[in-house]
C-alpha cells in the first residue's frame, strides 16, 4: 500500500467540502489502515463501527442476492456516514455533517475510491 498517496487522497477528500469531518481507509475486516480527520480522535470508533456495518451489509447483500457490496450510506439528523468499497479488501469511510450535499458526497467517494484502488496491494 502506498501510504503517502493514500493519505494525500484522504486529505483531498477532507478538503473537497467543509462538511467532510473525517475520511478513512479501512480493511473490510475493520482495522483502520489510514485516517485523516478534521478534529477529535475517532479512529477506534470508525474501526469498530465500519467492521460491523460492512459485515451487516455483506450479509444483507448475500441473503437478498444483491451481489458484492459496493456502498453503504447512513444518514442521521446530524450528518452522514458513507462507506464505499475500494478494491477487494478495503473500503473508504467518509463522515460528513448534515449540510453536506449527498450528490457531492456520493460522487466524491466513488471518484476517490477509484483513485485509491490501484495504490493498494491486495491478494486475489
N, C-alpha and C. Protein backbone atom coordinates (compact mmCIF):
# COMPACT_ATOMS: atom_id res chain seq x y z
N UNK A 1 0.84 -1.18 0.00
CA UNK A 1 0.00 0.00 0.00
C UNK A 1 0.89 1.24 0.00
N UNK A 2 0.58 2.17 -0.85
CA UNK A 2 1.31 3.43 -0.92
C UNK A 2 0.69 4.40 0.09
N UNK A 3 1.21 4.39 1.33
CA UNK A 3 0.62 5.16 2.42
C UNK A 3 0.63 6.66 2.18
N UNK A 4 1.69 7.17 1.58
CA UNK A 4 1.78 8.61 1.32
C UNK A 4 0.68 9.04 0.35
N UNK A 5 0.52 8.30 -0.73
CA UNK A 5 -0.51 8.63 -1.72
C UNK A 5 -1.91 8.46 -1.14
N UNK A 6 -2.12 7.42 -0.34
CA UNK A 6 -3.43 7.21 0.30
C UNK A 6 -3.76 8.39 1.21
N UNK A 7 -2.80 8.81 2.03
CA UNK A 7 -3.04 9.95 2.92
C UNK A 7 -3.28 11.23 2.14
N UNK A 8 -2.61 11.40 1.01
CA UNK A 8 -2.86 12.57 0.15
C UNK A 8 -4.31 12.55 -0.35
N UNK A 9 -4.78 11.38 -0.75
CA UNK A 9 -6.16 11.26 -1.23
C UNK A 9 -7.14 11.55 -0.09
N UNK A 10 -6.87 11.02 1.10
CA UNK A 10 -7.75 11.28 2.23
C UNK A 10 -7.80 12.77 2.56
N UNK A 11 -6.67 13.45 2.48
CA UNK A 11 -6.65 14.90 2.70
C UNK A 11 -7.45 15.62 1.62
N UNK A 12 -7.39 15.13 0.39
CA UNK A 12 -8.18 15.71 -0.70
C UNK A 12 -9.67 15.56 -0.44
N UNK A 13 -10.05 14.39 0.07
CA UNK A 13 -11.46 14.16 0.39
C UNK A 13 -11.91 15.16 1.45
N UNK A 14 -11.11 15.30 2.50
CA UNK A 14 -11.47 16.22 3.57
C UNK A 14 -11.50 17.67 3.08
N UNK A 15 -10.72 17.98 2.07
CA UNK A 15 -10.68 19.33 1.55
C UNK A 15 -11.72 19.63 0.49
N UNK A 16 -12.45 18.61 0.03
CA UNK A 16 -13.40 18.84 -1.07
C UNK A 16 -14.65 19.58 -0.60
N UNK A 17 -14.94 19.53 0.68
CA UNK A 17 -16.09 20.25 1.22
C UNK A 17 -15.87 20.48 2.71
N UNK A 18 -16.31 21.63 3.18
CA UNK A 18 -16.16 21.98 4.58
C UNK A 18 -16.88 20.99 5.50
N UNK A 19 -17.93 20.38 5.01
CA UNK A 19 -18.73 19.46 5.81
C UNK A 19 -18.07 18.10 6.05
N UNK A 20 -17.03 17.76 5.28
CA UNK A 20 -16.36 16.47 5.50
C UNK A 20 -15.53 16.58 6.77
N UNK A 21 -15.84 15.72 7.74
CA UNK A 21 -15.19 15.78 9.04
C UNK A 21 -14.06 14.76 9.19
N UNK A 22 -14.16 13.65 8.48
CA UNK A 22 -13.13 12.62 8.56
C UNK A 22 -13.27 11.67 7.38
N UNK A 23 -12.16 11.09 7.01
CA UNK A 23 -12.17 10.04 5.99
C UNK A 23 -11.12 9.01 6.38
N UNK A 24 -11.44 7.76 6.09
CA UNK A 24 -10.53 6.69 6.48
C UNK A 24 -10.57 5.57 5.45
N UNK A 25 -9.45 4.93 5.28
CA UNK A 25 -9.38 3.70 4.51
C UNK A 25 -9.38 2.59 5.55
N UNK A 26 -10.36 1.69 5.46
CA UNK A 26 -10.48 0.61 6.43
C UNK A 26 -10.44 -0.73 5.72
N UNK A 27 -9.91 -1.70 6.41
CA UNK A 27 -9.96 -3.07 5.91
C UNK A 27 -11.40 -3.56 6.02
N UNK A 28 -11.83 -4.45 5.14
CA UNK A 28 -13.18 -5.00 5.25
C UNK A 28 -13.36 -5.77 6.55
N UNK A 29 -12.25 -6.14 7.19
CA UNK A 29 -12.30 -6.79 8.50
C UNK A 29 -12.40 -5.78 9.63
N UNK A 30 -12.26 -4.47 9.30
CA UNK A 30 -12.44 -3.43 10.31
C UNK A 30 -11.27 -2.52 10.60
N UNK A 31 -10.03 -3.02 10.67
CA UNK A 31 -8.94 -2.14 11.08
C UNK A 31 -8.78 -0.91 10.16
N UNK A 32 -8.53 0.23 10.79
CA UNK A 32 -8.26 1.45 10.04
C UNK A 32 -6.85 1.36 9.48
N UNK A 33 -6.71 1.49 8.17
CA UNK A 33 -5.41 1.44 7.51
C UNK A 33 -4.79 2.83 7.42
N UNK A 34 -5.64 3.86 7.27
CA UNK A 34 -5.19 5.25 7.21
C UNK A 34 -6.39 6.13 7.52
N UNK A 35 -6.16 7.27 8.18
CA UNK A 35 -7.27 8.15 8.53
C UNK A 35 -6.82 9.59 8.60
N UNK A 36 -7.67 10.48 8.10
CA UNK A 36 -7.46 11.92 8.21
C UNK A 36 -8.75 12.50 8.75
N UNK A 37 -8.65 13.28 9.82
CA UNK A 37 -9.85 13.85 10.42
C UNK A 37 -9.65 15.31 10.73
N UNK A 38 -10.75 16.06 10.72
CA UNK A 38 -10.68 17.48 11.00
C UNK A 38 -10.41 17.74 12.47
N UNK A 39 -11.04 16.95 13.34
CA UNK A 39 -10.82 17.11 14.78
C UNK A 39 -11.26 15.84 15.49
N UNK A 40 -10.82 15.68 16.72
CA UNK A 40 -11.24 14.54 17.52
C UNK A 40 -10.42 13.30 17.24
N UNK A 41 -10.67 12.28 18.03
CA UNK A 41 -9.98 11.00 17.88
C UNK A 41 -11.01 9.91 17.67
N UNK A 42 -11.40 9.68 16.41
CA UNK A 42 -12.46 8.75 16.11
C UNK A 42 -11.97 7.44 15.53
N UNK A 43 -10.68 7.24 15.43
CA UNK A 43 -10.15 6.05 14.76
C UNK A 43 -10.69 4.76 15.36
N UNK A 44 -10.76 4.66 16.68
CA UNK A 44 -11.22 3.44 17.33
C UNK A 44 -12.70 3.20 17.03
N UNK A 45 -13.50 4.26 17.09
CA UNK A 45 -14.92 4.11 16.78
C UNK A 45 -15.14 3.76 15.32
N UNK A 46 -14.41 4.43 14.43
CA UNK A 46 -14.54 4.15 12.99
C UNK A 46 -14.17 2.70 12.71
N UNK A 47 -13.13 2.22 13.37
CA UNK A 47 -12.69 0.83 13.18
C UNK A 47 -13.78 -0.16 13.57
N UNK A 48 -14.32 0.00 14.74
CA UNK A 48 -15.33 -0.94 15.24
C UNK A 48 -16.63 -0.84 14.45
N UNK A 49 -17.07 0.37 14.20
CA UNK A 49 -18.35 0.57 13.51
C UNK A 49 -18.26 0.12 12.06
N UNK A 50 -17.16 0.44 11.39
CA UNK A 50 -17.00 0.04 9.99
C UNK A 50 -17.06 -1.47 9.84
N UNK A 51 -16.39 -2.18 10.73
CA UNK A 51 -16.39 -3.64 10.66
C UNK A 51 -17.82 -4.17 10.80
N UNK A 52 -18.58 -3.63 11.74
CA UNK A 52 -19.94 -4.10 11.97
C UNK A 52 -20.84 -3.77 10.78
N UNK A 53 -20.73 -2.55 10.27
CA UNK A 53 -21.58 -2.12 9.15
C UNK A 53 -21.28 -2.92 7.90
N UNK A 54 -20.00 -3.11 7.60
CA UNK A 54 -19.60 -3.86 6.40
C UNK A 54 -20.07 -5.31 6.51
N UNK A 55 -19.90 -5.90 7.67
CA UNK A 55 -20.35 -7.28 7.87
C UNK A 55 -21.86 -7.40 7.65
N UNK A 56 -22.61 -6.48 8.22
CA UNK A 56 -24.06 -6.50 8.05
C UNK A 56 -24.45 -6.26 6.59
N UNK A 57 -23.76 -5.33 5.93
CA UNK A 57 -24.04 -5.06 4.51
C UNK A 57 -23.74 -6.25 3.64
N UNK A 58 -22.61 -6.91 3.87
CA UNK A 58 -22.26 -8.12 3.12
C UNK A 58 -23.31 -9.21 3.33
N UNK A 59 -23.71 -9.41 4.57
CA UNK A 59 -24.70 -10.43 4.91
C UNK A 59 -26.04 -10.11 4.23
N UNK A 60 -26.46 -8.86 4.30
CA UNK A 60 -27.72 -8.45 3.68
C UNK A 60 -27.69 -8.67 2.18
N UNK A 61 -26.62 -8.23 1.53
CA UNK A 61 -26.50 -8.42 0.08
C UNK A 61 -26.52 -9.89 -0.30
N UNK A 62 -25.85 -10.73 0.47
CA UNK A 62 -25.82 -12.16 0.18
C UNK A 62 -27.22 -12.77 0.31
N UNK A 63 -27.91 -12.44 1.40
CA UNK A 63 -29.24 -13.01 1.64
C UNK A 63 -30.26 -12.54 0.62
N UNK A 64 -30.09 -11.32 0.09
CA UNK A 64 -31.04 -10.77 -0.88
C UNK A 64 -30.53 -10.87 -2.31
N UNK A 65 -29.44 -11.61 -2.51
CA UNK A 65 -28.86 -11.81 -3.84
C UNK A 65 -28.61 -10.50 -4.58
N UNK A 66 -27.93 -9.57 -3.90
CA UNK A 66 -27.64 -8.26 -4.48
C UNK A 66 -26.19 -8.16 -4.98
N UNK A 67 -25.43 -9.21 -4.89
CA UNK A 67 -24.06 -9.20 -5.38
C UNK A 67 -23.09 -8.65 -4.35
N UNK A 68 -21.94 -8.26 -4.83
CA UNK A 68 -20.87 -7.75 -3.96
C UNK A 68 -21.25 -6.37 -3.44
N UNK A 69 -21.05 -6.16 -2.16
CA UNK A 69 -21.32 -4.87 -1.53
C UNK A 69 -20.45 -3.78 -2.15
N UNK A 70 -21.06 -2.70 -2.57
CA UNK A 70 -20.33 -1.58 -3.17
C UNK A 70 -20.34 -0.34 -2.28
N UNK A 71 -21.49 -0.07 -1.64
CA UNK A 71 -21.62 1.20 -0.93
C UNK A 71 -22.71 1.10 0.13
N UNK A 72 -22.47 1.79 1.25
CA UNK A 72 -23.46 1.89 2.31
C UNK A 72 -23.54 3.36 2.72
N UNK A 73 -24.75 3.91 2.75
CA UNK A 73 -24.96 5.28 3.18
C UNK A 73 -25.87 5.27 4.40
N UNK A 74 -25.41 5.91 5.45
CA UNK A 74 -26.21 6.06 6.66
C UNK A 74 -26.40 7.56 6.88
N UNK A 75 -27.65 7.97 6.99
CA UNK A 75 -27.94 9.38 7.19
C UNK A 75 -28.70 9.55 8.50
N UNK A 76 -28.21 10.47 9.31
CA UNK A 76 -28.86 10.79 10.58
C UNK A 76 -29.18 12.27 10.65
N UNK A 77 -29.77 12.68 11.73
CA UNK A 77 -30.16 14.07 11.93
C UNK A 77 -28.95 15.02 11.83
N UNK A 78 -27.79 14.57 12.26
CA UNK A 78 -26.62 15.44 12.30
C UNK A 78 -25.59 15.18 11.22
N UNK A 79 -25.87 14.25 10.29
CA UNK A 79 -24.91 14.04 9.22
C UNK A 79 -24.97 12.67 8.59
N UNK A 80 -23.91 12.36 7.87
CA UNK A 80 -23.87 11.15 7.04
C UNK A 80 -22.59 10.36 7.28
N UNK A 81 -22.70 9.05 7.11
CA UNK A 81 -21.55 8.16 7.07
C UNK A 81 -21.69 7.38 5.77
N UNK A 82 -20.67 7.45 4.94
CA UNK A 82 -20.68 6.73 3.67
C UNK A 82 -19.50 5.77 3.64
N UNK A 83 -19.79 4.53 3.35
CA UNK A 83 -18.75 3.52 3.19
C UNK A 83 -18.78 3.06 1.74
N UNK A 84 -17.66 3.25 1.05
CA UNK A 84 -17.54 2.94 -0.38
C UNK A 84 -16.44 1.90 -0.55
N UNK A 85 -16.76 0.77 -1.15
CA UNK A 85 -15.77 -0.28 -1.36
C UNK A 85 -14.61 0.23 -2.21
N UNK A 86 -13.39 -0.17 -1.81
CA UNK A 86 -12.18 0.14 -2.57
C UNK A 86 -11.46 -1.18 -2.80
N UNK A 87 -11.48 -1.68 -4.00
CA UNK A 87 -10.82 -2.95 -4.28
C UNK A 87 -11.51 -4.12 -3.61
N UNK A 88 -10.77 -5.20 -3.40
CA UNK A 88 -11.34 -6.43 -2.84
C UNK A 88 -11.39 -6.46 -1.32
N UNK A 89 -10.47 -5.76 -0.67
CA UNK A 89 -10.32 -5.97 0.77
C UNK A 89 -10.41 -4.71 1.62
N UNK A 90 -10.84 -3.60 1.05
CA UNK A 90 -10.89 -2.38 1.85
C UNK A 90 -12.06 -1.49 1.42
N UNK A 91 -12.29 -0.46 2.24
CA UNK A 91 -13.37 0.48 1.96
C UNK A 91 -12.97 1.87 2.43
N UNK A 92 -13.56 2.86 1.78
CA UNK A 92 -13.38 4.26 2.14
C UNK A 92 -14.56 4.65 3.01
N UNK A 93 -14.29 5.14 4.20
CA UNK A 93 -15.34 5.60 5.11
C UNK A 93 -15.24 7.12 5.20
N UNK A 94 -16.32 7.81 4.85
CA UNK A 94 -16.34 9.27 4.90
C UNK A 94 -17.43 9.71 5.87
N UNK A 95 -17.08 10.59 6.78
CA UNK A 95 -18.02 11.12 7.77
C UNK A 95 -18.23 12.60 7.45
N UNK A 96 -19.48 13.00 7.27
CA UNK A 96 -19.78 14.37 6.87
C UNK A 96 -20.94 14.93 7.68
N UNK A 97 -20.96 16.24 7.79
CA UNK A 97 -22.01 16.93 8.52
C UNK A 97 -23.32 16.95 7.76
N UNK A 98 -24.36 17.43 8.44
CA UNK A 98 -25.73 17.38 7.89
C UNK A 98 -25.93 18.26 6.67
N UNK A 99 -25.09 19.29 6.46
CA UNK A 99 -25.26 20.18 5.32
C UNK A 99 -24.51 19.71 4.07
N UNK A 100 -23.84 18.57 4.16
CA UNK A 100 -23.13 18.03 3.01
C UNK A 100 -24.14 17.62 1.94
N UNK A 101 -23.92 18.06 0.73
CA UNK A 101 -24.77 17.68 -0.39
C UNK A 101 -24.52 16.20 -0.69
N UNK A 102 -25.58 15.40 -0.67
CA UNK A 102 -25.42 13.96 -0.88
C UNK A 102 -24.84 13.62 -2.24
N UNK A 103 -25.22 14.35 -3.26
CA UNK A 103 -24.67 14.09 -4.59
C UNK A 103 -23.16 14.26 -4.60
N UNK A 104 -22.68 15.33 -3.97
CA UNK A 104 -21.24 15.57 -3.89
C UNK A 104 -20.55 14.48 -3.07
N UNK A 105 -21.16 14.09 -1.96
CA UNK A 105 -20.59 13.04 -1.12
C UNK A 105 -20.47 11.73 -1.88
N UNK A 106 -21.54 11.32 -2.56
CA UNK A 106 -21.54 10.06 -3.30
C UNK A 106 -20.55 10.09 -4.47
N UNK A 107 -20.56 11.18 -5.23
CA UNK A 107 -19.66 11.29 -6.38
C UNK A 107 -18.19 11.35 -5.93
N UNK A 108 -17.92 12.08 -4.86
CA UNK A 108 -16.54 12.19 -4.36
C UNK A 108 -16.03 10.84 -3.87
N UNK A 109 -16.87 10.13 -3.14
CA UNK A 109 -16.45 8.82 -2.62
C UNK A 109 -16.12 7.86 -3.75
N UNK A 110 -16.96 7.83 -4.75
CA UNK A 110 -16.70 6.94 -5.89
C UNK A 110 -15.42 7.34 -6.62
N UNK A 111 -15.25 8.63 -6.85
CA UNK A 111 -14.06 9.12 -7.54
C UNK A 111 -12.79 8.77 -6.77
N UNK A 112 -12.78 9.08 -5.48
CA UNK A 112 -11.57 8.84 -4.69
C UNK A 112 -11.33 7.34 -4.45
N UNK A 113 -12.38 6.55 -4.36
CA UNK A 113 -12.20 5.10 -4.23
C UNK A 113 -11.51 4.54 -5.47
N UNK A 114 -11.91 5.03 -6.64
CA UNK A 114 -11.25 4.60 -7.88
C UNK A 114 -9.80 5.04 -7.92
N UNK A 115 -9.50 6.22 -7.38
CA UNK A 115 -8.12 6.70 -7.35
C UNK A 115 -7.27 5.88 -6.38
N UNK A 116 -7.87 5.40 -5.29
CA UNK A 116 -7.13 4.62 -4.29
C UNK A 116 -6.88 3.18 -4.73
N UNK A 117 -7.81 2.59 -5.44
CA UNK A 117 -7.74 1.16 -5.75
C UNK A 117 -6.40 0.71 -6.32
N UNK A 118 -5.81 1.43 -7.29
CA UNK A 118 -4.52 0.95 -7.81
C UNK A 118 -3.35 1.09 -6.84
N UNK A 119 -3.55 1.84 -5.76
CA UNK A 119 -2.48 2.05 -4.79
C UNK A 119 -2.40 0.96 -3.74
N UNK A 120 -3.39 0.08 -3.74
CA UNK A 120 -3.46 -0.98 -2.74
C UNK A 120 -2.85 -2.26 -3.29
N UNK A 121 -2.10 -2.92 -2.46
CA UNK A 121 -1.55 -4.24 -2.81
C UNK A 121 -2.46 -5.26 -2.16
N UNK A 122 -3.28 -5.90 -2.96
CA UNK A 122 -4.26 -6.84 -2.42
C UNK A 122 -4.05 -8.23 -3.00
N UNK A 123 -4.40 -9.19 -2.22
CA UNK A 123 -4.33 -10.57 -2.68
C UNK A 123 -5.63 -10.92 -3.39
N UNK A 124 -5.56 -11.84 -4.32
CA UNK A 124 -6.77 -12.27 -5.05
C UNK A 124 -7.71 -13.01 -4.16
